[in-house]
């Protein structure tokens, strides 16, 4: 899609603009004409990688070309984001996006080699991952009010999948909203945090539904609260922070798909249709429903608006909290 500002004024400019639009239409007409690369900025085995591979397997046959997941971990997904931002805007390079890549990173880093607001445009939404605050089942604390009371005598530590992860930012927001005192202990991924929680090295943890729900169901951990607007259908007995009196304490992990800006609109439309069909397939919906992941069929413009709303909420809060990954 060619932005109007890229077309010069006048007859020659008009002809050039028409030629560019025509070229984009020709590219999109035969799209895709080769395998599609889907960049994931995290290691194999995590929630982003698992769902990218699951969805890619459903998208490929619908698009008539393989969708190949390529893991490029590094620097809070900055490496993968930079690679995607420099890729040809022809629809054959996708970026698996989330809160960090599109919303948090500009507030966390003094410099980024990509601009999420200018370099990417949305294809669609994959899902929202409810976040839970959990403790071991032998912990005498049975609810969030109990945690707040206990923290006055001894602030607990809490584990998350990493510094500036949605889990970390959510808990820091909870601390700000509730007055809770707690010390952050970052890990390399949610499973590692859960292992240390179960081993007694952590007092509590913030975990998303994809990793945490099996532990909650099996009784290996006790969920004190969920940070969603509403209770999760998979854990109806777990109260929301909103119901406990903290109306603004709402946070999720979420995932989506973006492409380099300038990708032809027809290619984006084809990718969006393939993504929505894949997310709506029995294989993917069954997995998501089992893990309590919330879906929403957002159009590309609606996904862009969703990201803008998230940025307006979280970037000021991150700066207010003083959370940084690199020096200014």
C-alpha atoms as a PDB file:
ATOM      1  CA  UNK A   1       0.000   0.000   0.000  1.00  0.00           C
ATOM      2  CA  UNK A   2       1.534   3.328  -1.082  1.00  0.00           C
ATOM      3  CA  UNK A   3       0.978   6.282   1.225  1.00  0.00           C
ATOM      4  CA  UNK A   4      -0.311   9.401  -0.591  1.00  0.00           C
ATOM      5  CA  UNK A   5       2.588  11.457   0.766  1.00  0.00           C
ATOM      6  CA  UNK A   6       4.995   9.301  -1.233  1.00  0.00           C
ATOM      7  CA  UNK A   7       3.488  10.428  -4.529  1.00  0.00           C
ATOM      8  CA  UNK A   8       4.738  13.712  -5.979  1.00  0.00           C
ATOM      9  CA  UNK A   9       2.304  16.477  -6.956  1.00  0.00           C
ATOM     10  CA  UNK A  10       1.593  17.151 -10.621  1.00  0.00           C
ATOM     11  CA  UNK A  11       1.175  15.164 -13.827  1.00  0.00           C
ATOM     12  CA  UNK A  12       4.473  13.311 -13.577  1.00  0.00           C
ATOM     13  CA  UNK A  13       3.829  12.623  -9.908  1.00  0.00           C
ATOM     14  CA  UNK A  14       0.340  11.345 -10.653  1.00  0.00           C
ATOM     15  CA  UNK A  15       1.686   9.002 -13.337  1.00  0.00           C
ATOM     16  CA  UNK A  16       4.406   7.787 -10.975  1.00  0.00           C
ATOM     17  CA  UNK A  17       1.838   7.207  -8.242  1.00  0.00           C
ATOM     18  CA  UNK A  18      -0.420   5.255 -10.602  1.00  0.00           C
ATOM     19  CA  UNK A  19       2.540   3.158 -11.725  1.00  0.00           C
ATOM     20  CA  UNK A  20       3.425   2.367  -8.111  1.00  0.00           C
ATOM     21  CA  UNK A  21      -0.132   1.409  -7.280  1.00  0.00           C
ATOM     22  CA  UNK A  22      -0.302  -0.735 -10.393  1.00  0.00           C
ATOM     23  CA  UNK A  23       2.906  -2.523  -9.464  1.00  0.00           C
ATOM     24  CA  UNK A  24       1.523  -3.210  -6.004  1.00  0.00           C
ATOM     25  CA  UNK A  25      -1.652  -4.645  -7.525  1.00  0.00           C
ATOM     26  CA  UNK A  26       0.388  -6.937  -9.797  1.00  0.00           C
ATOM     27  CA  UNK A  27       2.445  -8.167  -6.829  1.00  0.00           C
ATOM     28  CA  UNK A  28      -0.647  -8.762  -4.744  1.00  0.00           C
ATOM     29  CA  UNK A  29      -2.473 -10.568  -7.572  1.00  0.00           C
ATOM     30  CA  UNK A  30       0.004 -13.455  -7.522  1.00  0.00           C
ATOM     31  CA  UNK A  31       0.526 -13.398  -3.786  1.00  0.00           C
ATOM     32  CA  UNK A  32       1.990 -15.464  -2.275  1.00  0.00           C
ATOM     33  CA  UNK A  33       4.345 -16.807  -4.934  1.00  0.00           C
ATOM     34  CA  UNK A  34       6.895 -18.392  -2.602  1.00  0.00           C
ATOM     35  CA  UNK A  35       7.169 -19.587   1.015  1.00  0.00           C
ATOM     36  CA  UNK A  36       6.346 -16.996   3.688  1.00  0.00           C
ATOM     37  CA  UNK A  37       8.798 -16.327   6.522  1.00  0.00           C
ATOM     38  CA  UNK A  38       7.288 -15.696   9.978  1.00  0.00           C
ATOM     39  CA  UNK A  39       9.846 -14.136  12.337  1.00  0.00           C
ATOM     40  CA  UNK A  40       9.447 -14.913  16.041  1.00  0.00           C
ATOM     41  CA  UNK A  41      11.674 -12.961  18.423  1.00  0.00           C
ATOM     42  CA  UNK A  42      11.736 -15.631  21.131  1.00  0.00           C
ATOM     43  CA  UNK A  43      13.325 -19.085  21.547  1.00  0.00           C
ATOM     44  CA  UNK A  44      11.554 -22.307  20.543  1.00  0.00           C
ATOM     45  CA  UNK A  45       9.129 -23.749  23.075  1.00  0.00           C
ATOM     46  CA  UNK A  46       7.586 -20.548  24.461  1.00  0.00           C
ATOM     47  CA  UNK A  47       3.984 -19.460  23.961  1.00  0.00           C
ATOM     48  CA  UNK A  48       4.836 -17.188  20.999  1.00  0.00           C
ATOM     49  CA  UNK A  49       6.730 -19.950  19.216  1.00  0.00           C
ATOM     50  CA  UNK A  50       4.135 -22.623  19.977  1.00  0.00           C
ATOM     51  CA  UNK A  51       1.215 -20.610  18.655  1.00  0.00           C
ATOM     52  CA  UNK A  52       3.130 -19.278  15.651  1.00  0.00           C
ATOM     53  CA  UNK A  53       3.918 -22.845  14.604  1.00  0.00           C
ATOM     54  CA  UNK A  54       0.396 -24.055  15.298  1.00  0.00           C
ATOM     55  CA  UNK A  55      -1.149 -21.231  13.267  1.00  0.00           C
ATOM     56  CA  UNK A  56       1.466 -21.448  10.506  1.00  0.00           C
ATOM     57  CA  UNK A  57       0.550 -25.080   9.979  1.00  0.00           C
ATOM     58  CA  UNK A  58      -3.060 -24.049   9.404  1.00  0.00           C
ATOM     59  CA  UNK A  59      -2.283 -20.939   7.309  1.00  0.00           C
ATOM     60  CA  UNK A  60       0.050 -22.584   4.785  1.00  0.00           C
ATOM     61  CA  UNK A  61      -2.514 -24.811   3.066  1.00  0.00           C
ATOM     62  CA  UNK A  62      -5.001 -21.933   2.952  1.00  0.00           C
ATOM     63  CA  UNK A  63      -2.480 -19.610   1.291  1.00  0.00           C
ATOM     64  CA  UNK A  64      -1.037 -22.209  -1.059  1.00  0.00           C
ATOM     65  CA  UNK A  65       2.517 -21.680   0.225  1.00  0.00           C
ATOM     66  CA  UNK A  66       4.341 -22.891   3.344  1.00  0.00           C
ATOM     67  CA  UNK A  67       4.518 -20.470   6.276  1.00  0.00           C
ATOM     68  CA  UNK A  68       7.936 -21.091   7.820  1.00  0.00           C
ATOM     69  CA  UNK A  69       8.522 -19.993  11.424  1.00  0.00           C
ATOM     70  CA  UNK A  70      12.006 -18.599  11.992  1.00  0.00           C
ATOM     71  CA  UNK A  71      13.116 -18.013  15.582  1.00  0.00           C
ATOM     72  CA  UNK A  72      15.366 -14.960  15.972  1.00  0.00           C
ATOM     73  CA  UNK A  73      15.585 -14.406  19.735  1.00  0.00           C
ATOM     74  CA  UNK A  74      17.511 -11.501  21.162  1.00  0.00           C
ATOM     75  CA  UNK A  75      17.088  -8.249  23.041  1.00  0.00           C
ATOM     76  CA  UNK A  76      13.393  -8.412  23.901  1.00  0.00           C
ATOM     77  CA  UNK A  77      12.565  -9.417  20.302  1.00  0.00           C
ATOM     78  CA  UNK A  78      14.435  -6.335  19.028  1.00  0.00           C
ATOM     79  CA  UNK A  79      16.545  -8.457  16.645  1.00  0.00           C
ATOM     80  CA  UNK A  80      13.527 -10.031  14.947  1.00  0.00           C
ATOM     81  CA  UNK A  81      11.749  -6.686  14.819  1.00  0.00           C
ATOM     82  CA  UNK A  82      14.713  -5.013  13.138  1.00  0.00           C
ATOM     83  CA  UNK A  83      14.962  -7.805  10.560  1.00  0.00           C
ATOM     84  CA  UNK A  84      11.258  -7.521   9.781  1.00  0.00           C
ATOM     85  CA  UNK A  85      11.397  -3.726   9.514  1.00  0.00           C
ATOM     86  CA  UNK A  86      14.106  -4.020   6.840  1.00  0.00           C
ATOM     87  CA  UNK A  87      12.405  -6.789   4.856  1.00  0.00           C
ATOM     88  CA  UNK A  88      10.825  -6.157   1.482  1.00  0.00           C
ATOM     89  CA  UNK A  89       7.215  -4.998   1.991  1.00  0.00           C
ATOM     90  CA  UNK A  90       5.722  -7.675  -0.232  1.00  0.00           C
ATOM     91  CA  UNK A  91       3.868  -9.797   2.333  1.00  0.00           C
ATOM     92  CA  UNK A  92       6.392 -12.631   2.345  1.00  0.00           C
ATOM     93  CA  UNK A  93       7.883 -11.601   5.714  1.00  0.00           C
ATOM     94  CA  UNK A  94       5.670 -11.616   8.798  1.00  0.00           C
ATOM     95  CA  UNK A  95       6.476 -10.563  12.358  1.00  0.00           C
ATOM     96  CA  UNK A  96       4.953 -12.219  15.402  1.00  0.00           C
ATOM     97  CA  UNK A  97       4.118  -9.185  17.565  1.00  0.00           C
ATOM     98  CA  UNK A  98       3.119  -8.668  21.182  1.00  0.00           C
ATOM     99  CA  UNK A  99       2.912  -6.068  23.957  1.00  0.00           C
ATOM    100  CA  UNK A 100       6.673  -5.738  24.138  1.00  0.00           C
ATOM    101  CA  UNK A 101       7.443  -5.306  20.453  1.00  0.00           C
ATOM    102  CA  UNK A 102       4.721  -2.814  19.547  1.00  0.00           C
ATOM    103  CA  UNK A 103       3.932  -1.095  22.849  1.00  0.00           C
ATOM    104  CA  UNK A 104       6.554  -1.359  25.592  1.00  0.00           C
ATOM    105  CA  UNK A 105       9.919  -1.323  23.818  1.00  0.00           C
ATOM    106  CA  UNK A 106       9.877   2.383  22.833  1.00  0.00           C
ATOM    107  CA  UNK A 107       9.497   3.262  26.535  1.00  0.00           C
ATOM    108  CA  UNK A 108      12.024   0.671  27.711  1.00  0.00           C
ATOM    109  CA  UNK A 109      14.908   1.411  25.336  1.00  0.00           C
ATOM    110  CA  UNK A 110      16.656   4.730  24.781  1.00  0.00           C
ATOM    111  CA  UNK A 111      17.278   3.695  21.161  1.00  0.00           C
ATOM    112  CA  UNK A 112      15.641   1.131  18.939  1.00  0.00           C
ATOM    113  CA  UNK A 113      16.696   0.066  15.443  1.00  0.00           C
ATOM    114  CA  UNK A 114      13.027   0.031  14.444  1.00  0.00           C
ATOM    115  CA  UNK A 115       9.988   2.240  15.021  1.00  0.00           C
ATOM    116  CA  UNK A 116       6.906   0.162  15.827  1.00  0.00           C
ATOM    117  CA  UNK A 117       4.574   3.061  15.018  1.00  0.00           C
ATOM    118  CA  UNK A 118       6.047   3.722  11.563  1.00  0.00           C
ATOM    119  CA  UNK A 119       7.708   0.516  10.376  1.00  0.00           C
ATOM    120  CA  UNK A 120       4.864  -1.981  10.759  1.00  0.00           C
ATOM    121  CA  UNK A 121       1.214  -2.319   9.937  1.00  0.00           C
ATOM    122  CA  UNK A 122      -1.144  -4.865  11.433  1.00  0.00           C
ATOM    123  CA  UNK A 123      -2.468  -8.028   9.818  1.00  0.00           C
ATOM    124  CA  UNK A 124      -4.554  -9.298  12.702  1.00  0.00           C
ATOM    125  CA  UNK A 125      -4.952 -10.355  16.300  1.00  0.00           C
ATOM    126  CA  UNK A 126      -4.120 -13.811  17.625  1.00  0.00           C
ATOM    127  CA  UNK A 127      -5.297 -13.670  21.221  1.00  0.00           C
ATOM    128  CA  UNK A 128      -5.148 -12.253  24.739  1.00  0.00           C
ATOM    129  CA  UNK A 129      -3.510 -14.281  27.499  1.00  0.00           C
ATOM    130  CA  UNK A 130      -4.980 -13.643  30.973  1.00  0.00           C
ATOM    131  CA  UNK A 131      -2.386 -13.155  33.709  1.00  0.00           C
ATOM    132  CA  UNK A 132      -2.599 -14.750  37.161  1.00  0.00           C
ATOM    133  CA  UNK A 133      -0.906 -14.049  40.500  1.00  0.00           C
ATOM    134  CA  UNK A 134      -0.166 -17.460  42.015  1.00  0.00           C
ATOM    135  CA  UNK A 135       1.361 -18.967  45.173  1.00  0.00           C
ATOM    136  CA  UNK A 136       2.123 -22.516  46.278  1.00  0.00           C
ATOM    137  CA  UNK A 137      -0.850 -24.419  47.701  1.00  0.00           C
ATOM    138  CA  UNK A 138       0.879 -24.753  51.097  1.00  0.00           C
ATOM    139  CA  UNK A 139       1.225 -20.976  51.401  1.00  0.00           C
ATOM    140  CA  UNK A 140      -0.961 -19.668  54.262  1.00  0.00           C
ATOM    141  CA  UNK A 141      -1.955 -16.730  52.034  1.00  0.00           C
ATOM    142  CA  UNK A 142      -5.228 -17.677  50.368  1.00  0.00           C
ATOM    143  CA  UNK A 143      -6.270 -14.460  48.649  1.00  0.00           C
ATOM    144  CA  UNK A 144      -4.948 -11.108  47.470  1.00  0.00           C
ATOM    145  CA  UNK A 145      -6.050  -9.168  50.575  1.00  0.00           C
ATOM    146  CA  UNK A 146      -4.024 -11.682  52.577  1.00  0.00           C
ATOM    147  CA  UNK A 147      -0.991 -11.032  50.376  1.00  0.00           C
ATOM    148  CA  UNK A 148      -1.328  -7.282  50.905  1.00  0.00           C
ATOM    149  CA  UNK A 149      -1.486  -7.731  54.684  1.00  0.00           C
ATOM    150  CA  UNK A 150       1.465 -10.153  54.779  1.00  0.00           C
ATOM    151  CA  UNK A 151       3.567  -7.844  52.592  1.00  0.00           C
ATOM    152  CA  UNK A 152       3.434  -5.125  55.231  1.00  0.00           C
ATOM    153  CA  UNK A 153       5.444  -7.338  57.575  1.00  0.00           C
ATOM    154  CA  UNK A 154       7.687  -8.932  54.923  1.00  0.00           C
ATOM    155  CA  UNK A 155       7.556  -7.927  51.264  1.00  0.00           C
ATOM    156  CA  UNK A 156       7.459 -11.085  49.138  1.00  0.00           C
ATOM    157  CA  UNK A 157       9.475 -11.730  46.025  1.00  0.00           C
ATOM    158  CA  UNK A 158       7.705 -12.581  42.785  1.00  0.00           C
ATOM    159  CA  UNK A 159       8.890 -14.295  39.632  1.00  0.00           C
ATOM    160  CA  UNK A 160       8.055 -13.482  36.002  1.00  0.00           C
ATOM    161  CA  UNK A 161       9.229 -14.733  32.589  1.00  0.00           C
ATOM    162  CA  UNK A 162      11.596 -11.774  32.300  1.00  0.00           C
ATOM    163  CA  UNK A 163      12.408  -8.109  32.796  1.00  0.00           C
ATOM    164  CA  UNK A 164       9.808  -5.875  31.106  1.00  0.00           C
ATOM    165  CA  UNK A 165       7.660  -8.868  30.167  1.00  0.00           C
ATOM    166  CA  UNK A 166       3.900  -8.171  30.253  1.00  0.00           C
ATOM    167  CA  UNK A 167       3.908 -10.139  33.514  1.00  0.00           C
ATOM    168  CA  UNK A 168       6.547  -7.881  35.099  1.00  0.00           C
ATOM    169  CA  UNK A 169       4.893  -4.672  33.907  1.00  0.00           C
ATOM    170  CA  UNK A 170       1.502  -5.922  35.088  1.00  0.00           C
ATOM    171  CA  UNK A 171       2.762  -6.683  38.600  1.00  0.00           C
ATOM    172  CA  UNK A 172       4.510  -3.319  38.855  1.00  0.00           C
ATOM    173  CA  UNK A 173       1.201  -1.736  37.864  1.00  0.00           C
ATOM    174  CA  UNK A 174      -0.554  -3.796  40.547  1.00  0.00           C
ATOM    175  CA  UNK A 175       1.999  -2.606  43.106  1.00  0.00           C
ATOM    176  CA  UNK A 176       1.342   0.987  42.119  1.00  0.00           C
ATOM    177  CA  UNK A 177      -2.453   0.573  42.248  1.00  0.00           C
ATOM    178  CA  UNK A 178      -2.649  -1.458  45.477  1.00  0.00           C
ATOM    179  CA  UNK A 179       0.338  -0.311  47.522  1.00  0.00           C
ATOM    180  CA  UNK A 180       1.788  -3.832  47.508  1.00  0.00           C
ATOM    181  CA  UNK A 181       5.513  -4.051  48.272  1.00  0.00           C
ATOM    182  CA  UNK A 182       7.207  -6.907  46.407  1.00  0.00           C
ATOM    183  CA  UNK A 183      10.627  -7.615  44.858  1.00  0.00           C
ATOM    184  CA  UNK A 184      10.902  -8.723  41.241  1.00  0.00           C
ATOM    185  CA  UNK A 185      12.915 -11.824  40.305  1.00  0.00           C
ATOM    186  CA  UNK A 186      13.144 -12.205  36.498  1.00  0.00           C
ATOM    187  CA  UNK A 187      13.601 -15.564  34.762  1.00  0.00           C
ATOM    188  CA  UNK A 188      14.201 -16.807  31.246  1.00  0.00           C
ATOM    189  CA  UNK A 189      10.648 -17.838  30.548  1.00  0.00           C
ATOM    190  CA  UNK A 190       7.562 -18.740  32.546  1.00  0.00           C
ATOM    191  CA  UNK A 191       8.337 -22.441  33.103  1.00  0.00           C
ATOM    192  CA  UNK A 192      11.594 -21.538  34.884  1.00  0.00           C
ATOM    193  CA  UNK A 193       9.745 -19.180  37.228  1.00  0.00           C
ATOM    194  CA  UNK A 194       7.156 -21.840  37.976  1.00  0.00           C
ATOM    195  CA  UNK A 195       9.837 -24.407  38.817  1.00  0.00           C
ATOM    196  CA  UNK A 196      11.427 -22.054  41.335  1.00  0.00           C
ATOM    197  CA  UNK A 197       8.032 -21.208  42.807  1.00  0.00           C
ATOM    198  CA  UNK A 198       7.276 -24.890  43.349  1.00  0.00           C
ATOM    199  CA  UNK A 199      10.776 -25.428  44.761  1.00  0.00           C
ATOM    200  CA  UNK A 200      10.202 -22.729  47.368  1.00  0.00           C
ATOM    201  CA  UNK A 201      12.635 -20.129  45.978  1.00  0.00           C
ATOM    202  CA  UNK A 202       9.787 -17.695  45.230  1.00  0.00           C
ATOM    203  CA  UNK A 203       6.883 -16.452  47.313  1.00  0.00           C
ATOM    204  CA  UNK A 204       4.610 -15.884  44.317  1.00  0.00           C
ATOM    205  CA  UNK A 205       4.663 -15.555  40.545  1.00  0.00           C
ATOM    206  CA  UNK A 206       2.835 -13.807  37.743  1.00  0.00           C
ATOM    207  CA  UNK A 207       2.093 -16.270  34.979  1.00  0.00           C
ATOM    208  CA  UNK A 208      -0.017 -16.273  31.834  1.00  0.00           C
ATOM    209  CA  UNK A 209      -2.756 -18.778  31.173  1.00  0.00           C
ATOM    210  CA  UNK A 210      -0.778 -20.711  28.542  1.00  0.00           C
ATOM    211  CA  UNK A 211       1.898 -21.680  31.064  1.00  0.00           C
ATOM    212  CA  UNK A 212       0.027 -21.393  34.343  1.00  0.00           C
ATOM    213  CA  UNK A 213      -3.388 -22.915  33.746  1.00  0.00           C
ATOM    214  CA  UNK A 214      -2.222 -26.557  33.864  1.00  0.00           C
ATOM    215  CA  UNK A 215      -0.570 -25.849  37.249  1.00  0.00           C
ATOM    216  CA  UNK A 216      -3.744 -24.157  38.540  1.00  0.00           C
ATOM    217  CA  UNK A 217      -5.997 -26.978  37.365  1.00  0.00           C
ATOM    218  CA  UNK A 218      -3.799 -29.675  38.914  1.00  0.00           C
ATOM    219  CA  UNK A 219      -3.664 -27.861  42.246  1.00  0.00           C
ATOM    220  CA  UNK A 220       0.097 -27.347  42.079  1.00  0.00           C
ATOM    221  CA  UNK A 221      -0.422 -23.593  42.618  1.00  0.00           C
ATOM    222  CA  UNK A 222      -3.186 -21.429  44.054  1.00  0.00           C
ATOM    223  CA  UNK A 223      -4.341 -18.458  41.974  1.00  0.00           C
ATOM    224  CA  UNK A 224      -5.011 -15.378  44.108  1.00  0.00           C
ATOM    225  CA  UNK A 225      -6.329 -13.173  41.299  1.00  0.00           C
ATOM    226  CA  UNK A 226      -6.590 -12.766  37.543  1.00  0.00           C
ATOM    227  CA  UNK A 227      -5.848  -9.409  35.906  1.00  0.00           C
ATOM    228  CA  UNK A 228      -8.635  -9.614  33.287  1.00  0.00           C
ATOM    229  CA  UNK A 229     -11.765  -7.473  33.098  1.00  0.00           C
ATOM    230  CA  UNK A 230     -13.827 -10.603  33.751  1.00  0.00           C
ATOM    231  CA  UNK A 231     -13.155 -13.949  35.400  1.00  0.00           C
ATOM    232  CA  UNK A 232     -11.655 -16.573  33.132  1.00  0.00           C
ATOM    233  CA  UNK A 233     -14.084 -19.235  31.968  1.00  0.00           C
ATOM    234  CA  UNK A 234     -11.397 -21.796  32.801  1.00  0.00           C
ATOM    235  CA  UNK A 235     -10.986 -20.564  36.399  1.00  0.00           C
ATOM    236  CA  UNK A 236     -14.369 -19.148  37.442  1.00  0.00           C
ATOM    237  CA  UNK A 237     -13.455 -19.307  41.127  1.00  0.00           C
ATOM    238  CA  UNK A 238     -10.508 -16.915  40.747  1.00  0.00           C
ATOM    239  CA  UNK A 239     -11.517 -13.273  41.366  1.00  0.00           C
ATOM    240  CA  UNK A 240     -10.437 -10.372  39.191  1.00  0.00           C
ATOM    241  CA  UNK A 241      -8.514  -7.477  40.687  1.00  0.00           C
ATOM    242  CA  UNK A 242     -11.391  -5.299  39.527  1.00  0.00           C
ATOM    243  CA  UNK A 243     -13.794  -7.266  41.730  1.00  0.00           C
ATOM    244  CA  UNK A 244     -11.381  -6.817  44.641  1.00  0.00           C
ATOM    245  CA  UNK A 245     -11.595  -3.048  44.365  1.00  0.00           C
ATOM    246  CA  UNK A 246      -8.799  -2.210  41.927  1.00  0.00           C
ATOM    247  CA  UNK A 247     -10.768  -1.137  38.869  1.00  0.00           C
ATOM    248  CA  UNK A 248      -7.773   0.059  36.827  1.00  0.00           C
ATOM    249  CA  UNK A 249      -5.575  -2.983  37.495  1.00  0.00           C
ATOM    250  CA  UNK A 250      -6.175  -4.735  34.171  1.00  0.00           C
ATOM    251  CA  UNK A 251      -3.448  -6.318  32.073  1.00  0.00           C
ATOM    252  CA  UNK A 252      -2.945  -9.102  29.552  1.00  0.00           C
ATOM    253  CA  UNK A 253      -0.289 -10.659  27.460  1.00  0.00           C
ATOM    254  CA  UNK A 254      -1.329 -10.565  23.806  1.00  0.00           C
ATOM    255  CA  UNK A 255      -0.079 -11.672  20.412  1.00  0.00           C
ATOM    256  CA  UNK A 256      -0.719 -10.638  16.840  1.00  0.00           C
ATOM    257  CA  UNK A 257       0.775 -10.488  13.359  1.00  0.00           C
ATOM    258  CA  UNK A 258       2.266  -7.505  11.533  1.00  0.00           C
ATOM    259  CA  UNK A 259       4.086  -6.848   8.253  1.00  0.00           C
ATOM    260  CA  UNK A 260       6.456  -4.110   7.055  1.00  0.00           C
ATOM    261  CA  UNK A 261       4.682  -0.868   6.241  1.00  0.00           C
ATOM    262  CA  UNK A 262       4.116  -0.483   2.514  1.00  0.00           C
ATOM    263  CA  UNK A 263       2.902  -4.066   2.049  1.00  0.00           C
ATOM    264  CA  UNK A 264       0.140  -4.036  -0.608  1.00  0.00           C
ATOM    265  CA  UNK A 265      -3.354  -3.870   0.832  1.00  0.00           C
ATOM    266  CA  UNK A 266      -4.448  -6.919  -1.177  1.00  0.00           C
ATOM    267  CA  UNK A 267      -1.608  -8.983   0.300  1.00  0.00           C
ATOM    268  CA  UNK A 268      -2.535  -7.847   3.821  1.00  0.00           C
ATOM    269  CA  UNK A 269      -6.155  -8.797   3.152  1.00  0.00           C
ATOM    270  CA  UNK A 270      -5.092 -12.263   1.981  1.00  0.00           C
ATOM    271  CA  UNK A 271      -2.862 -12.743   5.024  1.00  0.00           C
ATOM    272  CA  UNK A 272      -5.612 -11.524   7.351  1.00  0.00           C
ATOM    273  CA  UNK A 273      -8.108 -13.980   5.866  1.00  0.00           C
ATOM    274  CA  UNK A 274      -5.578 -16.800   6.228  1.00  0.00           C
ATOM    275  CA  UNK A 275      -4.797 -15.840   9.817  1.00  0.00           C
ATOM    276  CA  UNK A 276      -8.437 -15.614  10.836  1.00  0.00           C
ATOM    277  CA  UNK A 277      -9.229 -18.963   9.190  1.00  0.00           C
ATOM    278  CA  UNK A 278      -6.277 -20.561  10.968  1.00  0.00           C
ATOM    279  CA  UNK A 279      -7.164 -19.086  14.375  1.00  0.00           C
ATOM    280  CA  UNK A 280     -10.756 -20.212  13.804  1.00  0.00           C
ATOM    281  CA  UNK A 281      -9.776 -23.768  12.896  1.00  0.00           C
ATOM    282  CA  UNK A 282     -10.722 -26.618  15.211  1.00  0.00           C
ATOM    283  CA  UNK A 283      -7.069 -27.334  15.994  1.00  0.00           C
ATOM    284  CA  UNK A 284      -6.234 -23.798  17.115  1.00  0.00           C
ATOM    285  CA  UNK A 285      -9.522 -22.933  18.819  1.00  0.00           C
ATOM    286  CA  UNK A 286      -9.412 -26.185  20.749  1.00  0.00           C
ATOM    287  CA  UNK A 287      -5.928 -25.394  22.048  1.00  0.00           C
ATOM    288  CA  UNK A 288      -6.804 -21.792  22.859  1.00  0.00           C
ATOM    289  CA  UNK A 289     -10.057 -22.625  24.610  1.00  0.00           C
ATOM    290  CA  UNK A 290      -8.320 -25.276  26.698  1.00  0.00           C
ATOM    291  CA  UNK A 291      -5.765 -22.686  27.842  1.00  0.00           C
ATOM    292  CA  UNK A 292      -8.250 -19.877  28.406  1.00  0.00           C
ATOM    293  CA  UNK A 293      -6.847 -17.653  25.636  1.00  0.00           C
ATOM    294  CA  UNK A 294      -9.314 -14.994  24.490  1.00  0.00           C
ATOM    295  CA  UNK A 295      -9.787 -14.468  20.732  1.00  0.00           C
ATOM    296  CA  UNK A 296     -11.041 -11.444  18.790  1.00  0.00           C
ATOM    297  CA  UNK A 297     -11.444 -11.188  15.011  1.00  0.00           C
ATOM    298  CA  UNK A 298      -9.936  -7.704  14.656  1.00  0.00           C
ATOM    299  CA  UNK A 299      -9.549  -6.304  11.154  1.00  0.00           C
ATOM    300  CA  UNK A 300      -6.120  -4.854  10.248  1.00  0.00           C
ATOM    301  CA  UNK A 301      -7.310  -1.263  11.003  1.00  0.00           C
ATOM    302  CA  UNK A 302      -8.984  -2.401  14.227  1.00  0.00           C
ATOM    303  CA  UNK A 303      -5.773  -4.145  15.293  1.00  0.00           C
ATOM    304  CA  UNK A 304      -3.830  -0.930  14.641  1.00  0.00           C
ATOM    305  CA  UNK A 305      -6.324   0.990  16.807  1.00  0.00           C
ATOM    306  CA  UNK A 306      -5.996  -1.624  19.561  1.00  0.00           C
ATOM    307  CA  UNK A 307      -2.201  -1.229  19.561  1.00  0.00           C
ATOM    308  CA  UNK A 308      -2.509   2.567  19.688  1.00  0.00           C
ATOM    309  CA  UNK A 309      -4.796   2.333  22.732  1.00  0.00           C
ATOM    310  CA  UNK A 310      -2.381  -0.024  24.461  1.00  0.00           C
ATOM    311  CA  UNK A 311       0.533   2.312  23.758  1.00  0.00           C
ATOM    312  CA  UNK A 312      -1.377   5.278  25.180  1.00  0.00           C
ATOM    313  CA  UNK A 313      -1.881   3.364  28.445  1.00  0.00           C
ATOM    314  CA  UNK A 314       1.395   1.516  28.948  1.00  0.00           C
ATOM    315  CA  UNK A 315       4.146   3.757  27.599  1.00  0.00           C
ATOM    316  CA  UNK A 316       3.425   6.611  30.051  1.00  0.00           C
ATOM    317  CA  UNK A 317       3.085   4.116  32.903  1.00  0.00           C
ATOM    318  CA  UNK A 318       6.401   2.430  32.076  1.00  0.00           C
ATOM    319  CA  UNK A 319       8.136   5.813  32.041  1.00  0.00           C
ATOM    320  CA  UNK A 320       6.419   6.769  35.281  1.00  0.00           C
ATOM    321  CA  UNK A 321       7.583   3.556  36.926  1.00  0.00           C
ATOM    322  CA  UNK A 322      11.127   4.155  35.695  1.00  0.00           C
ATOM    323  CA  UNK A 323      11.541   0.699  34.184  1.00  0.00           C
ATOM    324  CA  UNK A 324      14.380   0.692  31.638  1.00  0.00           C
ATOM    325  CA  UNK A 325      16.377  -1.974  29.842  1.00  0.00           C
ATOM    326  CA  UNK A 326      19.225   0.226  28.610  1.00  0.00           C
ATOM    327  CA  UNK A 327      20.726   3.480  29.784  1.00  0.00           C
ATOM    328  CA  UNK A 328      19.365   6.757  28.470  1.00  0.00           C
END
